[in-house]
Amino acid sequence: MRRLKVIFCALTILICGVAVAQDAPEGQSLAGNWTSQTADGIFTQLEVSANGKFVFREQYSSDPRRAYLCGRVTDLGDTLSLDVKAMTERLADGVIEHSLGETTIVVDVIRRTDTTLVVQFDERTIVLNLG
């Protein structure tokens, strides 16, 4: 369960890296709605506003697992720093857990273009496309 939380937090931070784009490559803002759908049915969405606030959602098609994170993101170019303010996770057994404690997650940016963001966290690579 802890690994799942770390992954959700990392994704959130990664996608939210749009907020403070001073260190990001010129012209590559993260603001927008980034999504990913894997072959095994994991849907990931990262919404980043121009002021740096983010919302991260992830859901699985094969079971009731869901994750929700929100906070602020700082885009450092090759990493995204996610200051997570709240996190909710629904586990495969249906139990819902809430974490209101603040935490910071740093996500590595593998590759980025104006419409694609590839990040890595917890040994998982996620390809997000701007929608």
Protein backbone atom coordinates (compact mmCIF):
# COMPACT_ATOMS: atom_id res chain seq x y z
CA MET A 1 0.00 0.00 0.00
CA ARG A 2 2.87 2.38 0.79
CA ARG A 3 4.36 1.76 -2.66
CA LEU A 4 1.03 2.66 -4.27
CA LYS A 5 0.90 5.89 -2.26
CA VAL A 6 4.44 6.80 -3.27
CA ILE A 7 3.61 6.17 -6.91
CA PHE A 8 0.47 8.30 -6.76
CA CYS A 9 2.33 11.11 -5.05
CA ALA A 10 5.15 10.94 -7.55
CA LEU A 11 2.77 11.11 -10.48
CA THR A 12 1.02 14.05 -8.99
CA ILE A 13 4.24 15.91 -8.48
CA LEU A 14 5.41 15.09 -11.94
CA ILE A 15 2.32 16.29 -13.70
CA CYS A 16 1.97 19.37 -11.54
CA GLY A 17 5.48 20.55 -12.37
CA VAL A 18 3.94 23.13 -14.67
CA ALA A 19 3.31 25.64 -11.91
CA VAL A 20 6.66 27.33 -11.54
CA ALA A 21 8.12 27.13 -15.01
CA GLN A 22 11.17 29.36 -14.48
CA ASP A 23 13.56 26.41 -14.68
CA ALA A 24 11.65 24.45 -17.30
CA PRO A 25 12.88 24.46 -20.90
CA GLU A 26 11.68 27.59 -22.62
CA GLY A 27 8.21 27.29 -24.15
CA GLN A 28 7.36 24.00 -22.44
CA SER A 29 4.80 24.86 -19.80
CA LEU A 30 3.14 22.00 -17.94
CA ALA A 31 -0.14 23.83 -17.52
CA GLY A 32 -2.98 21.79 -18.95
CA ASN A 33 -4.69 18.41 -18.78
CA TRP A 34 -2.19 15.53 -19.12
CA THR A 35 -3.48 11.96 -19.47
CA SER A 36 -2.23 8.42 -19.92
CA GLN A 37 -3.93 5.06 -20.52
CA THR A 38 -1.83 1.91 -20.19
CA ALA A 39 -2.48 -1.42 -21.89
CA ASP A 40 -3.28 -2.98 -18.51
CA GLY A 41 -6.06 -0.45 -17.86
CA ILE A 42 -4.50 2.21 -15.63
CA PHE A 43 -5.88 5.68 -16.41
CA THR A 44 -3.79 8.60 -15.14
CA GLN A 45 -4.73 12.28 -15.28
CA LEU A 46 -2.69 15.28 -14.19
CA GLU A 47 -4.32 18.70 -14.32
CA VAL A 48 -1.95 21.61 -13.81
CA SER A 49 -3.09 25.24 -13.66
CA ALA A 50 -0.97 28.21 -14.71
CA ASN A 51 -0.54 29.20 -11.05
CA GLY A 52 1.08 25.86 -10.14
CA LYS A 53 -1.82 24.05 -8.50
CA PHE A 54 -2.28 20.45 -9.53
CA VAL A 55 -4.75 17.59 -9.20
CA PHE A 56 -3.65 14.04 -9.87
CA ARG A 57 -6.06 11.14 -10.43
CA GLU A 58 -5.39 7.51 -11.16
CA GLN A 59 -7.86 4.66 -11.57
CA TYR A 60 -7.64 1.01 -12.46
CA SER A 61 -10.10 -0.74 -14.78
CA SER A 62 -9.59 -4.20 -13.26
CA ASP A 63 -10.39 -3.32 -9.61
CA PRO A 64 -11.75 -0.48 -7.47
CA ARG A 65 -8.35 1.11 -6.78
CA ARG A 66 -8.31 4.90 -7.13
CA ALA A 67 -5.93 7.67 -6.12
CA TYR A 68 -6.36 11.42 -5.77
CA LEU A 69 -3.66 13.97 -4.93
CA CYS A 70 -3.64 17.75 -4.94
CA GLY A 71 -1.25 20.56 -4.09
CA ARG A 72 1.37 22.71 -5.81
CA VAL A 73 4.04 21.75 -8.31
CA THR A 74 7.42 23.30 -9.01
CA ASP A 75 8.94 22.51 -12.41
CA LEU A 76 12.72 22.22 -12.10
CA GLY A 77 13.26 21.05 -15.68
CA ASP A 78 14.67 17.55 -15.12
CA THR A 79 12.54 16.99 -12.01
CA LEU A 80 9.13 17.99 -10.70
CA SER A 81 8.70 18.82 -7.03
CA LEU A 82 5.19 18.10 -5.82
CA ASP A 83 4.06 19.68 -2.57
CA VAL A 84 1.11 17.39 -1.81
CA LYS A 85 -1.52 18.87 0.50
CA ALA A 86 -4.08 16.03 0.46
CA MET A 87 -4.21 12.46 -0.75
CA THR A 88 -7.06 9.95 -0.91
CA GLU A 89 -6.61 6.35 -1.94
CA ARG A 90 -9.17 3.60 -2.44
CA LEU A 91 -7.50 0.21 -2.15
CA ALA A 92 -8.30 -2.96 -4.09
CA ASP A 93 -10.31 -4.26 -1.10
CA GLY A 94 -12.46 -1.10 -1.17
CA VAL A 95 -10.98 0.51 1.95
CA ILE A 96 -10.59 4.29 1.60
CA GLU A 97 -7.61 5.97 3.22
CA HIS A 98 -7.06 9.71 3.63
CA SER A 99 -3.80 11.48 4.22
CA LEU A 100 -4.03 15.15 5.06
CA GLY A 101 -0.40 15.52 6.06
CA GLU A 102 1.75 17.54 3.73
CA THR A 103 4.59 15.85 1.91
CA THR A 104 6.96 16.65 -0.95
CA ILE A 105 7.55 14.18 -3.77
CA VAL A 106 10.26 14.60 -6.39
CA VAL A 107 9.67 12.99 -9.79
CA ASP A 108 12.30 12.54 -12.50
CA VAL A 109 11.46 13.88 -15.95
CA ILE A 110 12.82 11.46 -18.58
CA ARG A 111 11.67 13.37 -21.66
CA ARG A 112 9.41 16.29 -22.46
CA THR A 113 8.00 18.06 -25.46
CA ASP A 114 5.19 20.59 -25.78
CA THR A 115 2.63 17.75 -25.83
CA THR A 116 4.34 14.77 -24.12
CA LEU A 117 5.74 14.34 -20.63
CA VAL A 118 7.56 11.16 -19.67
CA VAL A 119 8.25 10.74 -15.96
CA GLN A 120 9.62 8.02 -13.75
CA PHE A 121 8.76 7.24 -10.18
CA ASP A 122 8.89 4.10 -8.07
CA GLU A 123 10.44 2.12 -10.92
CA ARG A 124 7.52 2.97 -13.21
CA THR A 125 7.65 5.07 -16.39
CA ILE A 126 4.52 7.06 -17.24
CA VAL A 127 3.93 8.70 -20.62
CA LEU A 128 1.49 11.63 -20.30
CA ASN A 129 0.00 13.40 -23.30
CA LEU A 130 -1.43 16.91 -23.27
CA GLY A 131 -5.12 16.74 -24.10
